[in-house]
Amino acid sequence: MRRCPKCGIAKSLDDFYRLKIKTASGEYRRYPYCRKCTCAMQNVRYHANKPLVKERVAEEWRRLGTPKAAYLRRTYGISADDYMHHIAYGGGACWICGRVPPVRKTKGGRPLVTALHVDHDHVTVHIRGMLCHSCNIGLGMFMDDPRILSAALHYLKRNLNTGFPPAYTARGPLHAG
């Protein structure tokens, strides 16, 4: 049990946020105020400094460009120009299936191009290419392992036009009537 200095109520340690700092005994240190008081104080601080916070965010966006550009630089170490160069190199299409991402309309009626995903090696962060959503998810599901992908390809080729007789489906026998 611990007493919050703000509200004065004794609460269990689970009611206090845990800090990343450990004590000499190996336990994590706790924030001095309970969760409820901490949230209330942060809310007051945020609203008191809201214009300053918005200006800092705007300054960061001006420095790094759009949120997408900031994400590309932070995650892959490339600029928006590098991203566009990779897309242009592949002709604007997925480097595996060759499909061009569809253009959809936003709620306001403006065209919205579905972006290609940056495919990268998760160990070296080396960029391998630009993929559509389906191909990017597919590689991830196969854990980027060429052996598993090869086995899946062999499986598909082997079972292309074979399998159960037409009276069977994946759910079992077809019922007449």
Protein backbone atom coordinates (compact mmCIF):
# COMPACT_ATOMS: atom_id res chain seq x y z
CA MET A 1 0.00 0.00 0.00
CA ARG A 2 1.09 3.48 -0.78
CA ARG A 3 -0.49 6.89 -0.21
CA CYS A 4 -0.86 9.28 -3.14
CA PRO A 5 0.39 12.76 -2.12
CA LYS A 6 -2.15 14.45 -4.41
CA CYS A 7 -5.45 12.82 -3.35
CA GLY A 8 -4.22 11.42 0.00
CA ILE A 9 -5.80 8.00 -0.54
CA ALA A 10 -3.84 4.84 0.29
CA LYS A 11 -3.83 2.53 -2.75
CA SER A 12 -2.13 -0.67 -3.88
CA LEU A 13 1.10 -0.43 -5.87
CA ASP A 14 -0.78 -1.50 -9.01
CA ASP A 15 -2.60 1.84 -8.86
CA PHE A 16 0.71 3.66 -9.48
CA TYR A 17 2.45 3.75 -12.86
CA ARG A 18 5.67 1.77 -13.00
CA LEU A 19 8.87 3.56 -14.01
CA LYS A 20 11.63 1.89 -16.05
CA ILE A 21 14.08 2.41 -13.19
CA LYS A 22 14.75 -0.44 -10.77
CA THR A 23 15.60 -0.11 -7.10
CA ALA A 24 18.59 -1.83 -5.47
CA SER A 25 16.30 -4.74 -4.55
CA GLY A 26 15.37 -5.24 -8.23
CA GLU A 27 11.82 -3.91 -8.01
CA TYR A 28 10.61 -1.22 -10.36
CA ARG A 29 10.19 2.26 -8.94
CA ARG A 30 6.70 3.72 -9.04
CA TYR A 31 5.46 7.14 -10.06
CA PRO A 32 4.72 9.19 -6.90
CA TYR A 33 1.09 9.93 -7.80
CA CYS A 34 -1.69 7.38 -8.41
CA ARG A 35 -2.86 6.70 -11.95
CA LYS A 36 -6.02 8.78 -11.60
CA CYS A 37 -4.16 11.83 -10.26
CA THR A 38 -1.36 11.41 -12.82
CA CYS A 39 -3.88 11.42 -15.69
CA ALA A 40 -5.67 14.44 -14.27
CA MET A 41 -2.39 16.40 -13.86
CA GLN A 42 -1.22 15.49 -17.38
CA ASN A 43 -4.59 16.52 -18.81
CA VAL A 44 -4.36 19.91 -17.08
CA ARG A 45 -0.75 20.35 -18.25
CA TYR A 46 -1.66 19.42 -21.84
CA HIS A 47 -4.58 21.85 -22.06
CA ALA A 48 -2.54 24.64 -20.42
CA ASN A 49 0.23 24.14 -23.02
CA LYS A 50 -1.94 23.08 -25.99
CA PRO A 51 -0.83 25.92 -28.31
CA LEU A 52 2.82 25.21 -27.49
CA VAL A 53 2.36 21.46 -28.07
CA LYS A 54 0.67 22.09 -31.43
CA GLU A 55 3.46 24.47 -32.44
CA ARG A 56 6.11 21.88 -31.53
CA VAL A 57 4.33 19.24 -33.62
CA ALA A 58 3.97 21.67 -36.52
CA GLU A 59 7.68 22.55 -36.24
CA GLU A 60 8.60 18.86 -36.33
CA TRP A 61 6.46 18.34 -39.44
CA ARG A 62 8.08 21.37 -41.12
CA ARG A 63 11.50 19.97 -40.31
CA LEU A 64 10.82 16.39 -41.40
CA GLY A 65 8.13 16.99 -44.02
CA THR A 66 4.81 15.16 -44.01
CA PRO A 67 4.02 12.49 -41.41
CA LYS A 68 4.64 9.86 -44.14
CA ALA A 69 8.09 11.35 -44.85
CA ALA A 70 8.89 11.36 -41.14
CA TYR A 71 7.79 7.71 -40.88
CA LEU A 72 9.96 6.71 -43.87
CA ARG A 73 13.01 8.49 -42.46
CA ARG A 74 12.52 7.10 -38.94
CA THR A 75 11.72 3.51 -39.97
CA TYR A 76 13.79 2.88 -43.10
CA GLY A 77 16.25 5.77 -43.18
CA ILE A 78 15.02 6.97 -46.59
CA SER A 79 13.53 10.25 -47.75
CA ALA A 80 10.21 10.71 -49.54
CA ASP A 81 12.24 11.26 -52.73
CA ASP A 82 13.99 7.88 -52.24
CA TYR A 83 10.56 6.27 -51.74
CA MET A 84 9.24 7.81 -54.96
CA HIS A 85 12.43 6.74 -56.79
CA HIS A 86 11.86 3.11 -55.72
CA ILE A 87 8.24 3.30 -56.90
CA ALA A 88 9.29 4.81 -60.24
CA TYR A 89 11.98 2.12 -60.67
CA GLY A 90 9.27 -0.54 -60.48
CA GLY A 91 6.98 1.34 -62.84
CA GLY A 92 4.56 2.19 -60.03
CA ALA A 93 3.58 -1.47 -59.67
CA CYS A 94 4.21 -4.22 -57.12
CA TRP A 95 7.61 -5.83 -57.68
CA ILE A 96 6.15 -9.34 -57.21
CA CYS A 97 2.71 -9.46 -58.84
CA GLY A 98 3.02 -6.41 -61.10
CA ARG A 99 -0.34 -4.93 -60.06
CA VAL A 100 -0.65 -1.18 -59.77
CA PRO A 101 -2.32 -0.08 -56.51
CA PRO A 102 -5.91 1.07 -57.09
CA VAL A 103 -6.95 4.70 -56.92
CA ARG A 104 -9.85 5.19 -54.54
CA LYS A 105 -11.86 8.25 -53.63
CA THR A 106 -11.68 9.88 -50.21
CA LYS A 107 -14.84 10.99 -48.41
CA GLY A 108 -14.30 14.42 -49.94
CA GLY A 109 -14.16 12.92 -53.44
CA ARG A 110 -10.43 13.48 -53.95
CA PRO A 111 -8.43 10.61 -55.52
CA LEU A 112 -6.39 8.61 -53.05
CA VAL A 113 -3.65 6.32 -54.34
CA THR A 114 -3.09 3.27 -52.18
CA ALA A 115 0.63 3.34 -51.48
CA LEU A 116 3.05 0.53 -52.08
CA HIS A 117 4.71 -0.93 -49.01
CA VAL A 118 8.46 -0.81 -48.43
CA ASP A 119 9.65 -4.43 -48.32
CA HIS A 120 12.78 -4.74 -46.23
CA ASP A 121 14.94 -7.34 -44.51
CA HIS A 122 13.94 -7.26 -40.85
CA VAL A 123 17.49 -8.04 -39.71
CA THR A 124 19.55 -5.64 -41.86
CA VAL A 125 16.71 -3.20 -42.71
CA HIS A 126 17.98 -3.39 -46.32
CA ILE A 127 15.19 -2.35 -48.70
CA ARG A 128 14.33 -5.15 -51.15
CA GLY A 129 11.55 -3.49 -53.12
CA MET A 130 8.05 -2.05 -53.19
CA LEU A 131 5.10 -4.41 -52.74
CA CYS A 132 1.32 -4.23 -52.80
CA HIS A 133 -0.50 -4.99 -49.56
CA SER A 134 -1.31 -8.60 -50.50
CA CYS A 135 2.25 -9.53 -51.51
CA ASN A 136 3.71 -7.79 -48.46
CA ILE A 137 1.37 -9.69 -46.13
CA GLY A 138 2.08 -12.93 -48.02
CA LEU A 139 5.83 -12.63 -47.54
CA GLY A 140 5.28 -11.90 -43.87
CA MET A 141 3.06 -14.95 -43.46
CA PHE A 142 5.81 -17.08 -44.99
CA MET A 143 8.25 -15.48 -42.52
CA ASP A 144 10.43 -14.19 -45.41
CA ASP A 145 11.82 -17.74 -45.70
CA PRO A 146 12.65 -18.82 -49.28
CA ARG A 147 12.43 -22.51 -48.28
CA ILE A 148 8.84 -22.13 -47.08
CA LEU A 149 7.92 -20.11 -50.18
CA SER A 150 9.50 -22.76 -52.39
CA ALA A 151 7.59 -25.50 -50.59
CA ALA A 152 4.34 -23.55 -51.03
CA LEU A 153 5.05 -23.13 -54.75
CA HIS A 154 5.77 -26.85 -55.10
CA TYR A 155 2.53 -27.64 -53.23
CA LEU A 156 0.47 -25.38 -55.51
CA LYS A 157 2.02 -26.82 -58.68
CA ARG A 158 1.55 -30.40 -57.48
CA ASN A 159 -2.11 -29.83 -56.58
CA LEU A 160 -3.04 -27.47 -59.38
CA ASN A 161 -5.74 -29.59 -61.01
CA THR A 162 -5.84 -32.54 -58.67
CA GLY A 163 -7.25 -33.21 -55.27
CA PHE A 164 -10.59 -34.53 -54.11
CA PRO A 165 -13.19 -35.61 -56.66
CA PRO A 166 -15.81 -32.96 -57.55
CA ALA A 167 -18.26 -34.49 -55.06
CA TYR A 168 -16.08 -33.14 -52.22
CA THR A 169 -15.33 -29.64 -51.04
CA ALA A 170 -13.04 -28.32 -48.35
CA ARG A 171 -15.99 -28.74 -45.95
CA GLY A 172 -16.67 -32.38 -46.85
CA PRO A 173 -19.03 -34.23 -49.19
CA LEU A 174 -21.60 -32.28 -51.19
CA HIS A 175 -25.17 -33.09 -50.28
CA ALA A 176 -27.58 -33.78 -53.10
CA GLY A 177 -30.71 -31.74 -53.15
